[in-house]
Amino acid sequence: MEIEVVVGGWEHGCCGKAITPGDAVSWDIWFYDGALRETHHVAEPGMTHVDGRVVGIEARLEGGRSVQVTRVPSGRALNGFATDESATLVDAVTGEQLTEPAGGFRVRLQVPDDSKLPDRSAA
């Protein structure tokens, strides 16, 4: 099955890894504020673990647009601390570099059909 997980904010900015379609990921997720969210710092209510493969990434740009992108840069790159990685976002459809900063990302994951997902009522 395919799920959508929000990645970003202070957690990704701190120490999140770069994410690219095709990557195998192993994430702790929880349901909060109407969405599944990735977390890797604190045990959250109703949190569960999923393994999956990234099938797509959408950037939520600060200008209000949503755009399919080729990757999520690492938190270090987004914050200007990585000398070996670009923080540039690239439109997955047009190949154009985006100039607007992203306010977060929605990552589509393909996970096994029997994956246990967080209980929406635990939020």
PDB file of N, CA and C in Angstrom:
ATOM      1  N   MET A   1       0.848  -1.172   0.000  1.00  0.00           N
ATOM      2  CA  MET A   1       0.000   0.000   0.000  1.00  0.00           C
ATOM      3  C   MET A   1       0.894   1.235   0.000  1.00  0.00           C
ATOM      4  N   GLU A   2       0.313   2.341  -0.415  1.00  0.00           N
ATOM      5  CA  GLU A   2       1.065   3.591  -0.449  1.00  0.00           C
ATOM      6  C   GLU A   2       0.545   4.523   0.637  1.00  0.00           C
ATOM      7  N   ILE A   3       1.472   5.128   1.375  1.00  0.00           N
ATOM      8  CA  ILE A   3       1.116   6.098   2.408  1.00  0.00           C
ATOM      9  C   ILE A   3       1.879   7.390   2.140  1.00  0.00           C
ATOM     10  N   GLU A   4       1.390   8.485   2.715  1.00  0.00           N
ATOM     11  CA  GLU A   4       2.059   9.775   2.594  1.00  0.00           C
ATOM     12  C   GLU A   4       2.495  10.206   3.987  1.00  0.00           C
ATOM     13  N   VAL A   5       3.775  10.596   4.103  1.00  0.00           N
ATOM     14  CA  VAL A   5       4.347  10.960   5.385  1.00  0.00           C
ATOM     15  C   VAL A   5       4.959  12.356   5.280  1.00  0.00           C
ATOM     16  N   VAL A   6       4.626  13.216   6.235  1.00  0.00           N
ATOM     17  CA  VAL A   6       5.206  14.557   6.284  1.00  0.00           C
ATOM     18  C   VAL A   6       6.605  14.468   6.886  1.00  0.00           C
ATOM     19  N   VAL A   7       7.553  15.106   6.198  1.00  0.00           N
ATOM     20  CA  VAL A   7       8.945  15.179   6.659  1.00  0.00           C
ATOM     21  C   VAL A   7       9.334  16.643   6.654  1.00  0.00           C
ATOM     22  N   GLY A   8       9.971  17.095   7.710  1.00  0.00           N
ATOM     23  CA  GLY A   8      10.418  18.482   7.728  1.00  0.00           C
ATOM     24  C   GLY A   8      10.428  19.048   9.114  1.00  0.00           C
ATOM     25  N   GLY A   9      10.383  20.357   9.175  1.00  0.00           N
ATOM     26  CA  GLY A   9      10.404  21.036  10.461  1.00  0.00           C
ATOM     27  C   GLY A   9      11.742  20.900  11.153  1.00  0.00           C
ATOM     28  N   TRP A  10      11.724  21.128  12.447  1.00  0.00           N
ATOM     29  CA  TRP A  10      12.975  21.125  13.209  1.00  0.00           C
ATOM     30  C   TRP A  10      13.654  19.761  13.180  1.00  0.00           C
ATOM     31  N   GLU A  11      12.866  18.673  13.146  1.00  0.00           N
ATOM     32  CA  GLU A  11      13.491  17.343  13.184  1.00  0.00           C
ATOM     33  C   GLU A  11      14.349  17.084  11.956  1.00  0.00           C
ATOM     34  N   HIS A  12      13.813  17.355  10.780  1.00  0.00           N
ATOM     35  CA  HIS A  12      14.609  17.127   9.572  1.00  0.00           C
ATOM     36  C   HIS A  12      15.740  18.153   9.501  1.00  0.00           C
ATOM     37  N   GLY A  13      15.450  19.396   9.884  1.00  0.00           N
ATOM     38  CA  GLY A  13      16.471  20.429   9.851  1.00  0.00           C
ATOM     39  C   GLY A  13      17.651  20.132  10.751  1.00  0.00           C
ATOM     40  N   CYS A  14      17.404  19.434  11.841  1.00  0.00           N
ATOM     41  CA  CYS A  14      18.462  19.080  12.776  1.00  0.00           C
ATOM     42  C   CYS A  14      19.426  18.065  12.175  1.00  0.00           C
ATOM     43  N   CYS A  15      18.898  16.938  11.773  1.00  0.00           N
ATOM     44  CA  CYS A  15      19.801  15.853  11.387  1.00  0.00           C
ATOM     45  C   CYS A  15      19.155  14.861  10.415  1.00  0.00           C
ATOM     46  N   GLY A  16      18.135  15.296   9.691  1.00  0.00           N
ATOM     47  CA  GLY A  16      17.490  14.416   8.724  1.00  0.00           C
ATOM     48  C   GLY A  16      18.395  14.109   7.542  1.00  0.00           C
ATOM     49  N   LYS A  17      18.292  12.906   7.038  1.00  0.00           N
ATOM     50  CA  LYS A  17      19.083  12.477   5.886  1.00  0.00           C
ATOM     51  C   LYS A  17      18.398  12.893   4.592  1.00  0.00           C
ATOM     52  N   ALA A  18      19.186  13.015   3.525  1.00  0.00           N
ATOM     53  CA  ALA A  18      18.630  13.276   2.197  1.00  0.00           C
ATOM     54  C   ALA A  18      17.717  12.112   1.813  1.00  0.00           C
ATOM     55  N   ILE A  19      16.662  12.406   1.067  1.00  0.00           N
ATOM     56  CA  ILE A  19      15.685  11.389   0.649  1.00  0.00           C
ATOM     57  C   ILE A  19      15.473  11.520  -0.849  1.00  0.00           C
ATOM     58  N   THR A  20      15.531  10.391  -1.552  1.00  0.00           N
ATOM     59  CA  THR A  20      15.373  10.364  -3.003  1.00  0.00           C
ATOM     60  C   THR A  20      14.410   9.245  -3.384  1.00  0.00           C
ATOM     61  N   PRO A  21      13.557   9.451  -4.394  1.00  0.00           N
ATOM     62  CA  PRO A  21      12.720   8.335  -4.845  1.00  0.00           C
ATOM     63  C   PRO A  21      13.579   7.100  -5.140  1.00  0.00           C
ATOM     64  N   GLY A  22      13.064   5.956  -4.694  1.00  0.00           N
ATOM     65  CA  GLY A  22      13.796   4.700  -4.828  1.00  0.00           C
ATOM     66  C   GLY A  22      14.505   4.290  -3.550  1.00  0.00           C
ATOM     67  N   ASP A  23      14.726   5.248  -2.629  1.00  0.00           N
ATOM     68  CA  ASP A  23      15.394   4.937  -1.364  1.00  0.00           C
ATOM     69  C   ASP A  23      14.544   3.992  -0.521  1.00  0.00           C
ATOM     70  N   ALA A  24      15.197   3.030   0.120  1.00  0.00           N
ATOM     71  CA  ALA A  24      14.554   2.221   1.150  1.00  0.00           C
ATOM     72  C   ALA A  24      14.714   2.983   2.461  1.00  0.00           C
ATOM     73  N   VAL A  25      13.614   3.165   3.187  1.00  0.00           N
ATOM     74  CA  VAL A  25      13.660   3.900   4.453  1.00  0.00           C
ATOM     75  C   VAL A  25      13.059   3.049   5.563  1.00  0.00           C
ATOM     76  N   SER A  26      13.487   3.345   6.776  1.00  0.00           N
ATOM     77  CA  SER A  26      12.995   2.681   7.973  1.00  0.00           C
ATOM     78  C   SER A  26      12.700   3.798   8.968  1.00  0.00           C
ATOM     79  N   TRP A  27      11.411   4.138   9.109  1.00  0.00           N
ATOM     80  CA  TRP A  27      11.021   5.326   9.859  1.00  0.00           C
ATOM     81  C   TRP A  27      10.072   5.006  10.997  1.00  0.00           C
ATOM     82  N   ASP A  28      10.171   5.822  12.045  1.00  0.00           N
ATOM     83  CA  ASP A  28       9.148   5.873  13.080  1.00  0.00           C
ATOM     84  C   ASP A  28       8.176   6.958  12.646  1.00  0.00           C
ATOM     85  N   ILE A  29       6.884   6.646  12.674  1.00  0.00           N
ATOM     86  CA  ILE A  29       5.874   7.611  12.254  1.00  0.00           C
ATOM     87  C   ILE A  29       4.777   7.695  13.312  1.00  0.00           C
ATOM     88  N   TRP A  30       4.092   8.824  13.311  1.00  0.00           N
ATOM     89  CA  TRP A  30       2.959   9.021  14.209  1.00  0.00           C
ATOM     90  C   TRP A  30       1.940   9.901  13.523  1.00  0.00           C
ATOM     91  N   PHE A  31       0.728   9.867  14.017  1.00  0.00           N
ATOM     92  CA  PHE A  31      -0.352  10.670  13.441  1.00  0.00           C
ATOM     93  C   PHE A  31      -0.510  11.914  14.290  1.00  0.00           C
ATOM     94  N   TYR A  32      -0.365  13.080  13.641  1.00  0.00           N
ATOM     95  CA  TYR A  32      -0.494  14.334  14.359  1.00  0.00           C
ATOM     96  C   TYR A  32      -0.994  15.415  13.408  1.00  0.00           C
ATOM     97  N   ASP A  33      -1.877  16.241  13.885  1.00  0.00           N
ATOM     98  CA  ASP A  33      -2.372  17.393  13.132  1.00  0.00           C
ATOM     99  C   ASP A  33      -2.858  16.997  11.732  1.00  0.00           C
ATOM    100  N   GLY A  34      -3.583  15.890  11.669  1.00  0.00           N
ATOM    101  CA  GLY A  34      -4.198  15.469  10.412  1.00  0.00           C
ATOM    102  C   GLY A  34      -3.310  14.730   9.432  1.00  0.00           C
ATOM    103  N   ALA A  35      -2.085  14.362   9.844  1.00  0.00           N
ATOM    104  CA  ALA A  35      -1.177  13.708   8.893  1.00  0.00           C
ATOM    105  C   ALA A  35      -0.242  12.724   9.592  1.00  0.00           C
ATOM    106  N   LEU A  36       0.226  11.742   8.836  1.00  0.00           N
ATOM    107  CA  LEU A  36       1.308  10.884   9.315  1.00  0.00           C
ATOM    108  C   LEU A  36       2.590  11.690   9.238  1.00  0.00           C
ATOM    109  N   ARG A  37       3.412  11.614  10.287  1.00  0.00           N
ATOM    110  CA  ARG A  37       4.648  12.388  10.344  1.00  0.00           C
ATOM    111  C   ARG A  37       5.813  11.503  10.763  1.00  0.00           C
ATOM    112  N   GLU A  38       6.967  11.756  10.147  1.00  0.00           N
ATOM    113  CA  GLU A  38       8.194  11.038  10.508  1.00  0.00           C
ATOM    114  C   GLU A  38       8.790  11.694  11.738  1.00  0.00           C
ATOM    115  N   THR A  39       9.312  10.881  12.647  1.00  0.00           N
ATOM    116  CA  THR A  39       9.996  11.400  13.827  1.00  0.00           C
ATOM    117  C   THR A  39      11.222  10.534  14.090  1.00  0.00           C
ATOM    118  N   HIS A  40      12.289  11.156  14.569  1.00  0.00           N
ATOM    119  CA  HIS A  40      13.466  10.354  14.922  1.00  0.00           C
ATOM    120  C   HIS A  40      14.163  10.884  16.174  1.00  0.00           C
ATOM    121  N   HIS A  41      13.436  11.610  17.002  1.00  0.00           N
ATOM    122  CA  HIS A  41      14.027  12.130  18.231  1.00  0.00           C
ATOM    123  C   HIS A  41      13.311  11.667  19.493  1.00  0.00           C
ATOM    124  N   VAL A  42      12.000  11.743  19.482  1.00  0.00           N
ATOM    125  CA  VAL A  42      11.229  11.539  20.701  1.00  0.00           C
ATOM    126  C   VAL A  42      10.132  10.514  20.450  1.00  0.00           C
ATOM    127  N   ALA A  43       9.896   9.659  21.429  1.00  0.00           N
ATOM    128  CA  ALA A  43       8.762   8.735  21.325  1.00  0.00           C
ATOM    129  C   ALA A  43       7.477   9.547  21.439  1.00  0.00           C
ATOM    130  N   GLU A  44       6.639   9.438  20.428  1.00  0.00           N
ATOM    131  CA  GLU A  44       5.388  10.183  20.388  1.00  0.00           C
ATOM    132  C   GLU A  44       4.217   9.234  20.645  1.00  0.00           C
ATOM    133  N   PRO A  45       3.074   9.739  21.138  1.00  0.00           N
ATOM    134  CA  PRO A  45       1.907   8.894  21.384  1.00  0.00           C
ATOM    135  C   PRO A  45       1.463   8.189  20.096  1.00  0.00           C
ATOM    136  N   GLY A  46       1.272   6.882  20.185  1.00  0.00           N
ATOM    137  CA  GLY A  46       0.783   6.121  19.040  1.00  0.00           C
ATOM    138  C   GLY A  46       1.817   5.876  17.956  1.00  0.00           C
ATOM    139  N   MET A  47       3.083   6.173  18.221  1.00  0.00           N
ATOM    140  CA  MET A  47       4.128   6.012  17.216  1.00  0.00           C
ATOM    141  C   MET A  47       4.301   4.534  16.849  1.00  0.00           C
ATOM    142  N   THR A  48       4.606   4.292  15.574  1.00  0.00           N
ATOM    143  CA  THR A  48       4.898   2.941  15.115  1.00  0.00           C
ATOM    144  C   THR A  48       6.029   3.003  14.099  1.00  0.00           C
ATOM    145  N   HIS A  49       6.567   1.862  13.755  1.00  0.00           N
ATOM    146  CA  HIS A  49       7.709   1.783  12.845  1.00  0.00           C
ATOM    147  C   HIS A  49       7.257   1.209  11.502  1.00  0.00           C
ATOM    148  N   VAL A  50       7.742   1.803  10.401  1.00  0.00           N
ATOM    149  CA  VAL A  50       7.459   1.258   9.072  1.00  0.00           C
ATOM    150  C   VAL A  50       8.745   1.200   8.254  1.00  0.00           C
ATOM    151  N   ASP A  51       8.794   0.219   7.392  1.00  0.00           N
ATOM    152  CA  ASP A  51       9.842   0.109   6.389  1.00  0.00           C
ATOM    153  C   ASP A  51       9.169   0.282   5.047  1.00  0.00           C
ATOM    154  N   GLY A  52       9.782   1.039   4.162  1.00  0.00           N
ATOM    155  CA  GLY A  52       9.166   1.250   2.862  1.00  0.00           C
ATOM    156  C   GLY A  52      10.149   1.757   1.834  1.00  0.00           C
ATOM    157  N   ARG A  53       9.633   2.015   0.651  1.00  0.00           N
ATOM    158  CA  ARG A  53      10.431   2.553  -0.453  1.00  0.00           C
ATOM    159  C   ARG A  53       9.790   3.858  -0.907  1.00  0.00           C
ATOM    160  N   VAL A  54      10.624   4.879  -1.057  1.00  0.00           N
ATOM    161  CA  VAL A  54      10.152   6.204  -1.476  1.00  0.00           C
ATOM    162  C   VAL A  54       9.728   6.127  -2.942  1.00  0.00           C
ATOM    163  N   VAL A  55       8.488   6.551  -3.227  1.00  0.00           N
ATOM    164  CA  VAL A  55       7.997   6.539  -4.611  1.00  0.00           C
ATOM    165  C   VAL A  55       7.736   7.935  -5.152  1.00  0.00           C
ATOM    166  N   GLY A  56       7.768   8.953  -4.298  1.00  0.00           N
ATOM    167  CA  GLY A  56       7.568  10.311  -4.766  1.00  0.00           C
ATOM    168  C   GLY A  56       7.710  11.305  -3.632  1.00  0.00           C
ATOM    169  N   ILE A  57       8.039  12.552  -4.003  1.00  0.00           N
ATOM    170  CA  ILE A  57       8.244  13.604  -3.007  1.00  0.00           C
ATOM    171  C   ILE A  57       7.603  14.893  -3.509  1.00  0.00           C
ATOM    172  N   GLU A  58       6.853  15.523  -2.639  1.00  0.00           N
ATOM    173  CA  GLU A  58       6.230  16.816  -2.939  1.00  0.00           C
ATOM    174  C   GLU A  58       6.752  17.848  -1.949  1.00  0.00           C
ATOM    175  N   ALA A  59       7.258  18.965  -2.462  1.00  0.00           N
ATOM    176  CA  ALA A  59       7.687  20.071  -1.607  1.00  0.00           C
ATOM    177  C   ALA A  59       6.540  21.044  -1.446  1.00  0.00           C
ATOM    178  N   ARG A  60       6.313  21.479  -0.232  1.00  0.00           N
ATOM    179  CA  ARG A  60       5.336  22.528   0.057  1.00  0.00           C
ATOM    180  C   ARG A  60       6.134  23.828   0.121  1.00  0.00           C
ATOM    181  N   LEU A  61       6.058  24.618  -0.934  1.00  0.00           N
ATOM    182  CA  LEU A  61       6.860  25.833  -1.004  1.00  0.00           C
ATOM    183  C   LEU A  61       6.235  26.943  -0.174  1.00  0.00           C
ATOM    184  N   GLU A  62       7.071  27.808   0.352  1.00  0.00           N
ATOM    185  CA  GLU A  62       6.580  28.881   1.218  1.00  0.00           C
ATOM    186  C   GLU A  62       5.650  29.838   0.499  1.00  0.00           C
ATOM    187  N   GLY A  63       5.735  29.875  -0.837  1.00  0.00           N
ATOM    188  CA  GLY A  63       4.819  30.708  -1.607  1.00  0.00           C
ATOM    189  C   GLY A  63       3.435  30.105  -1.730  1.00  0.00           C
ATOM    190  N   GLY A  64       3.218  28.893  -1.188  1.00  0.00           N
ATOM    191  CA  GLY A  64       1.910  28.253  -1.207  1.00  0.00           C
ATOM    192  C   GLY A  64       1.753  27.155  -2.241  1.00  0.00           C
ATOM    193  N   ARG A  65       2.695  27.056  -3.180  1.00  0.00           N
ATOM    194  CA  ARG A  65       2.607  26.008  -4.204  1.00  0.00           C
ATOM    195  C   ARG A  65       3.123  24.674  -3.670  1.00  0.00           C
ATOM    196  N   SER A  66       2.663  23.592  -4.284  1.00  0.00           N
ATOM    197  CA  SER A  66       3.199  22.261  -4.045  1.00  0.00           C
ATOM    198  C   SER A  66       3.787  21.768  -5.352  1.00  0.00           C
ATOM    199  N   VAL A  67       4.997  21.221  -5.291  1.00  0.00           N
ATOM    200  CA  VAL A  67       5.707  20.801  -6.492  1.00  0.00           C
ATOM    201  C   VAL A  67       6.362  19.447  -6.256  1.00  0.00           C
ATOM    202  N   GLN A  68       6.235  18.541  -7.234  1.00  0.00           N
ATOM    203  CA  GLN A  68       6.965  17.280  -7.168  1.00  0.00           C
ATOM    204  C   GLN A  68       8.445  17.591  -7.345  1.00  0.00           C
ATOM    205  N   VAL A  69       9.300  17.087  -6.442  1.00  0.00           N
ATOM    206  CA  VAL A  69      10.732  17.358  -6.508  1.00  0.00           C
ATOM    207  C   VAL A  69      11.530  16.063  -6.597  1.00  0.00           C
ATOM    208  N   THR A  70      12.784  16.201  -7.023  1.00  0.00           N
ATOM    209  CA  THR A  70      13.647  15.038  -7.240  1.00  0.00           C
ATOM    210  C   THR A  70      14.240  14.483  -5.959  1.00  0.00           C
ATOM    211  N   ARG A  71      14.274  15.295  -4.893  1.00  0.00           N
ATOM    212  CA  ARG A  71      14.843  14.823  -3.630  1.00  0.00           C
ATOM    213  C   ARG A  71      14.548  15.803  -2.505  1.00  0.00           C
ATOM    214  N   VAL A  72      14.693  15.306  -1.280  1.00  0.00           N
ATOM    215  CA  VAL A  72      14.692  16.145  -0.095  1.00  0.00           C
ATOM    216  C   VAL A  72      16.152  16.258   0.333  1.00  0.00           C
ATOM    217  N   PRO A  73      16.744  17.442   0.321  1.00  0.00           N
ATOM    218  CA  PRO A  73      18.114  17.573   0.807  1.00  0.00           C
ATOM    219  C   PRO A  73      18.189  17.234   2.300  1.00  0.00           C
ATOM    220  N   SER A  74      19.373  16.882   2.757  1.00  0.00           N
ATOM    221  CA  SER A  74      19.537  16.618   4.182  1.00  0.00           C
ATOM    222  C   SER A  74      19.271  17.893   4.973  1.00  0.00           C
ATOM    223  N   GLY A  75      18.998  17.733   6.250  1.00  0.00           N
ATOM    224  CA  GLY A  75      18.808  18.895   7.110  1.00  0.00           C
ATOM    225  C   GLY A  75      20.046  19.769   7.151  1.00  0.00           C
ATOM    226  N   ARG A  76      21.222  19.151   7.161  1.00  0.00           N
ATOM    227  CA  ARG A  76      22.476  19.918   7.162  1.00  0.00           C
ATOM    228  C   ARG A  76      22.567  20.796   5.918  1.00  0.00           C
ATOM    229  N   ALA A  77      22.201  20.242   4.755  1.00  0.00           N
ATOM    230  CA  ALA A  77      22.265  21.018   3.514  1.00  0.00           C
ATOM    231  C   ALA A  77      21.241  22.145   3.540  1.00  0.00           C
ATOM    232  N   LEU A  78      20.028  21.843   3.978  1.00  0.00           N
ATOM    233  CA  LEU A  78      18.982  22.876   4.019  1.00  0.00           C
ATOM    234  C   LEU A  78      19.363  24.037   4.932  1.00  0.00           C
ATOM    235  N   ASN A  79      20.159  23.746   5.957  1.00  0.00           N
ATOM    236  CA  ASN A  79      20.564  24.790   6.896  1.00  0.00           C
ATOM    237  C   ASN A  79      21.928  25.392   6.573  1.00  0.00           C
ATOM    238  N   GLY A  80      22.513  25.011   5.425  1.00  0.00           N
ATOM    239  CA  GLY A  80      23.766  25.605   4.990  1.00  0.00           C
ATOM    240  C   GLY A  80      25.016  25.068   5.648  1.00  0.00           C
ATOM    241  N   PHE A  81      24.931  23.894   6.288  1.00  0.00           N
ATOM    242  CA  PHE A  81      26.085  23.336   6.990  1.00  0.00           C
ATOM    243  C   PHE A  81      26.803  22.232   6.224  1.00  0.00           C
ATOM    244  N   ALA A  82      26.261  21.805   5.097  1.00  0.00           N
ATOM    245  CA  ALA A  82      26.871  20.716   4.332  1.00  0.00           C
ATOM    246  C   ALA A  82      27.658  21.295   3.162  1.00  0.00           C
ATOM    247  N   THR A  83      28.944  21.006   3.107  1.00  0.00           N
ATOM    248  CA  THR A  83      29.764  21.481   1.996  1.00  0.00           C
ATOM    249  C   THR A  83      29.783  20.474   0.851  1.00  0.00           C
ATOM    250  N   ASP A  84      29.306  19.269   1.114  1.00  0.00           N
ATOM    251  CA  ASP A  84      29.361  18.201   0.114  1.00  0.00           C
ATOM    252  C   ASP A  84      28.000  17.901  -0.520  1.00  0.00           C
ATOM    253  N   GLU A  85      26.993  18.737  -0.235  1.00  0.00           N
ATOM    254  CA  GLU A  85      25.645  18.468  -0.732  1.00  0.00           C
ATOM    255  C   GLU A  85      24.910  19.775  -1.002  1.00  0.00           C
ATOM    256  N   SER A  86      24.187  19.812  -2.084  1.00  0.00           N
ATOM    257  CA  SER A  86      23.407  20.996  -2.440  1.00  0.00           C
ATOM    258  C   SER A  86      22.039  20.970  -1.752  1.00  0.00           C
ATOM    259  N   ALA A  87      21.563  22.140  -1.403  1.00  0.00           N
ATOM    260  CA  ALA A  87      20.214  22.268  -0.845  1.00  0.00           C
ATOM    261  C   ALA A  87      19.213  22.642  -1.925  1.00  0.00           C
ATOM    262  N   THR A  88      19.651  22.700  -3.183  1.00  0.00           N
ATOM    263  CA  THR A  88      18.785  23.107  -4.283  1.00  0.00           C
ATOM    264  C   THR A  88      17.676  22.088  -4.511  1.00  0.00           C
ATOM    265  N   LEU A  89      16.459  22.595  -4.659  1.00  0.00           N
ATOM    266  CA  LEU A  89      15.323  21.749  -5.006  1.00  0.00           C
ATOM    267  C   LEU A  89      15.125  21.799  -6.509  1.00  0.00           C
ATOM    268  N   VAL A  90      14.818  20.641  -7.103  1.00  0.00           N
ATOM    269  CA  VAL A  90      14.621  20.553  -8.546  1.00  0.00           C
ATOM    270  C   VAL A  90      13.233  19.992  -8.822  1.00  0.00           C
ATOM    271  N   ASP A  91      12.467  20.685  -9.673  1.00  0.00           N
ATOM    272  CA  ASP A  91      11.145  20.247 -10.084  1.00  0.00           C
ATOM    273  C   ASP A  91      11.290  18.917 -10.832  1.00  0.00           C
ATOM    274  N   ALA A  92      10.605  17.878 -10.363  1.00  0.00           N
ATOM    275  CA  ALA A  92      10.728  16.544 -10.957  1.00  0.00           C
ATOM    276  C   ALA A  92      10.116  16.462 -12.349  1.00  0.00           C
ATOM    277  N   VAL A  93       9.227  17.384 -12.703  1.00  0.00           N
ATOM    278  CA  VAL A  93       8.566  17.359 -14.001  1.00  0.00           C
ATOM    279  C   VAL A  93       9.332  18.172 -15.035  1.00  0.00           C
ATOM    280  N   THR A  94       9.731  19.392 -14.662  1.00  0.00           N
ATOM    281  CA  THR A  94      10.373  20.293 -15.633  1.00  0.00           C
ATOM    282  C   THR A  94      11.893  20.269 -15.581  1.00  0.00           C
ATOM    283  N   GLY A  95      12.466  19.801 -14.462  1.00  0.00           N
ATOM    284  CA  GLY A  95      13.916  19.821 -14.287  1.00  0.00           C
ATOM    285  C   GLY A  95      14.450  21.177 -13.868  1.00  0.00           C
ATOM    286  N   GLU A  96      13.559  22.147 -13.681  1.00  0.00           N
ATOM    287  CA  GLU A  96      13.982  23.487 -13.291  1.00  0.00           C
ATOM    288  C   GLU A  96      14.341  23.547 -11.806  1.00  0.00           C
ATOM    289  N   GLN A  97      15.365  24.364 -11.492  1.00  0.00           N
ATOM    290  CA  GLN A  97      15.703  24.615 -10.102  1.00  0.00           C
ATOM    291  C   GLN A  97      14.663  25.553  -9.507  1.00  0.00           C
ATOM    292  N   LEU A  98      14.244  25.256  -8.289  1.00  0.00           N
ATOM    293  CA  LEU A  98      13.250  26.079  -7.607  1.00  0.00           C
ATOM    294  C   LEU A  98      13.955  27.121  -6.751  1.00  0.00           C
ATOM    295  N   THR A  99      13.434  28.310  -6.748  1.00  0.00           N
ATOM    296  CA  THR A  99      14.053  29.384  -5.967  1.00  0.00           C
ATOM    297  C   THR A  99      13.337  29.625  -4.645  1.00  0.00           C
ATOM    298  N   GLU A 100      12.107  29.154  -4.523  1.00  0.00           N
ATOM    299  CA  GLU A 100      11.364  29.335  -3.275  1.00  0.00           C
ATOM    300  C   GLU A 100      11.790  28.281  -2.263  1.00  0.00           C
ATOM    301  N   PRO A 101      12.001  28.658  -1.009  1.00  0.00           N
ATOM    302  CA  PRO A 101      12.329  27.649  -0.007  1.00  0.00           C
ATOM    303  C   PRO A 101      11.121  26.771   0.309  1.00  0.00           C
ATOM    304  N   ALA A 102      11.392  25.556   0.711  1.00  0.00           N
ATOM    305  CA  ALA A 102      10.322  24.621   1.059  1.00  0.00           C
ATOM    306  C   ALA A 102       9.959  24.766   2.526  1.00  0.00           C
ATOM    307  N   GLY A 103       8.666  24.712   2.795  1.00  0.00           N
ATOM    308  CA  GLY A 103       8.181  24.747   4.164  1.00  0.00           C
ATOM    309  C   GLY A 103       7.969  23.347   4.720  1.00  0.00           C
ATOM    310  N   GLY A 104       8.279  22.333   3.959  1.00  0.00           N
ATOM    311  CA  GLY A 104       8.127  20.945   4.374  1.00  0.00           C
ATOM    312  C   GLY A 104       7.958  20.064   3.156  1.00  0.00           C
ATOM    313  N   PHE A 105       7.925  18.766   3.401  1.00  0.00           N
ATOM    314  CA  PHE A 105       7.836  17.789   2.309  1.00  0.00           C
ATOM    315  C   PHE A 105       6.820  16.717   2.653  1.00  0.00           C
ATOM    316  N   ARG A 106       6.157  16.217   1.629  1.00  0.00           N
ATOM    317  CA  ARG A 106       5.282  15.053   1.766  1.00  0.00           C
ATOM    318  C   ARG A 106       5.905  13.951   0.936  1.00  0.00           C
ATOM    319  N   VAL A 107       6.255  12.867   1.606  1.00  0.00           N
ATOM    320  CA  VAL A 107       6.949  11.755   0.968  1.00  0.00           C
ATOM    321  C   VAL A 107       5.978  10.585   0.832  1.00  0.00           C
ATOM    322  N   ARG A 108       5.827  10.091  -0.400  1.00  0.00           N
ATOM    323  CA  ARG A 108       4.981   8.921  -0.636  1.00  0.00           C
ATOM    324  C   ARG A 108       5.844   7.668  -0.502  1.00  0.00           C
ATOM    325  N   LEU A 109       5.374   6.755   0.353  1.00  0.00           N
ATOM    326  CA  LEU A 109       6.084   5.500   0.606  1.00  0.00           C
ATOM    327  C   LEU A 109       5.244   4.318   0.183  1.00  0.00           C
ATOM    328  N   GLN A 110       5.878   3.349  -0.435  1.00  0.00           N
ATOM    329  CA  GLN A 110       5.254   2.051  -0.680  1.00  0.00           C
ATOM    330  C   GLN A 110       5.672   1.168   0.486  1.00  0.00           C
ATOM    331  N   VAL A 111       4.702   0.689   1.257  1.00  0.00           N
ATOM    332  CA  VAL A 111       4.963  -0.150   2.424  1.00  0.00           C
ATOM    333  C   VAL A 111       4.203  -1.461   2.262  1.00  0.00           C
ATOM    334  N   PRO A 112       4.642  -2.517   2.961  1.00  0.00           N
ATOM    335  CA  PRO A 112       3.902  -3.776   2.882  1.00  0.00           C
ATOM    336  C   PRO A 112       2.441  -3.591   3.298  1.00  0.00           C
ATOM    337  N   ASP A 113       1.559  -4.329   2.644  1.00  0.00           N
ATOM    338  CA  ASP A 113       0.122  -4.217   2.930  1.00  0.00           C
ATOM    339  C   ASP A 113      -0.223  -4.497   4.383  1.00  0.00           C
ATOM    340  N   ASP A 114       0.595  -5.300   5.060  1.00  0.00           N
ATOM    341  CA  ASP A 114       0.295  -5.643   6.455  1.00  0.00           C
ATOM    342  C   ASP A 114       0.995  -4.717   7.457  1.00  0.00           C
ATOM    343  N   SER A 115       1.522  -3.587   6.989  1.00  0.00           N
ATOM    344  CA  SER A 115       2.189  -2.629   7.883  1.00  0.00           C
ATOM    345  C   SER A 115       1.196  -2.080   8.892  1.00  0.00           C
ATOM    346  N   LYS A 116       1.641  -2.011  10.145  1.00  0.00           N
ATOM    347  CA  LYS A 116       0.819  -1.415  11.193  1.00  0.00           C
ATOM    348  C   LYS A 116       1.033   0.089  11.148  1.00  0.00           C
ATOM    349  N   LEU A 117      -0.045   0.841  10.993  1.00  0.00           N
ATOM    350  CA  LEU A 117       0.029   2.291  10.944  1.00  0.00           C
ATOM    351  C   LEU A 117      -0.470   2.897  12.253  1.00  0.00           C
ATOM    352  N   PRO A 118      -0.029   4.106  12.567  1.00  0.00           N
ATOM    353  CA  PRO A 118      -0.474   4.738  13.810  1.00  0.00           C
ATOM    354  C   PRO A 118      -1.986   4.908  13.847  1.00  0.00           C
ATOM    355  N   ASP A 119      -2.522   4.807  15.044  1.00  0.00           N
ATOM    356  CA  ASP A 119      -3.948   4.998  15.272  1.00  0.00           C
ATOM    357  C   ASP A 119      -4.265   6.487  15.222  1.00  0.00           C
ATOM    358  N   ARG A 120      -5.179   6.863  14.335  1.00  0.00           N
ATOM    359  CA  ARG A 120      -5.526   8.283  14.203  1.00  0.00           C
ATOM    360  C   ARG A 120      -6.168   8.839  15.478  1.00  0.00           C
ATOM    361  N   SER A 121      -6.738   7.994  16.288  1.00  0.00           N
ATOM    362  CA  SER A 121      -7.386   8.489  17.499  1.00  0.00           C
ATOM    363  C   SER A 121      -6.375   8.774  18.616  1.00  0.00           C
ATOM    364  N   ALA A 122      -5.104   8.351  18.433  1.00  0.00           N
ATOM    365  CA  ALA A 122      -4.093   8.589  19.452  1.00  0.00           C
ATOM    366  C   ALA A 122      -3.562  10.014  19.409  1.00  0.00           C
ATOM    367  N   ALA A 123      -3.888  10.752  18.369  1.00  0.00           N
ATOM    368  CA  ALA A 123      -3.362  12.124  18.212  1.00  0.00           C
ATOM    369  C   ALA A 123      -4.030  13.087  19.160  1.00  0.00           C
TER     370      ALA A 123
END
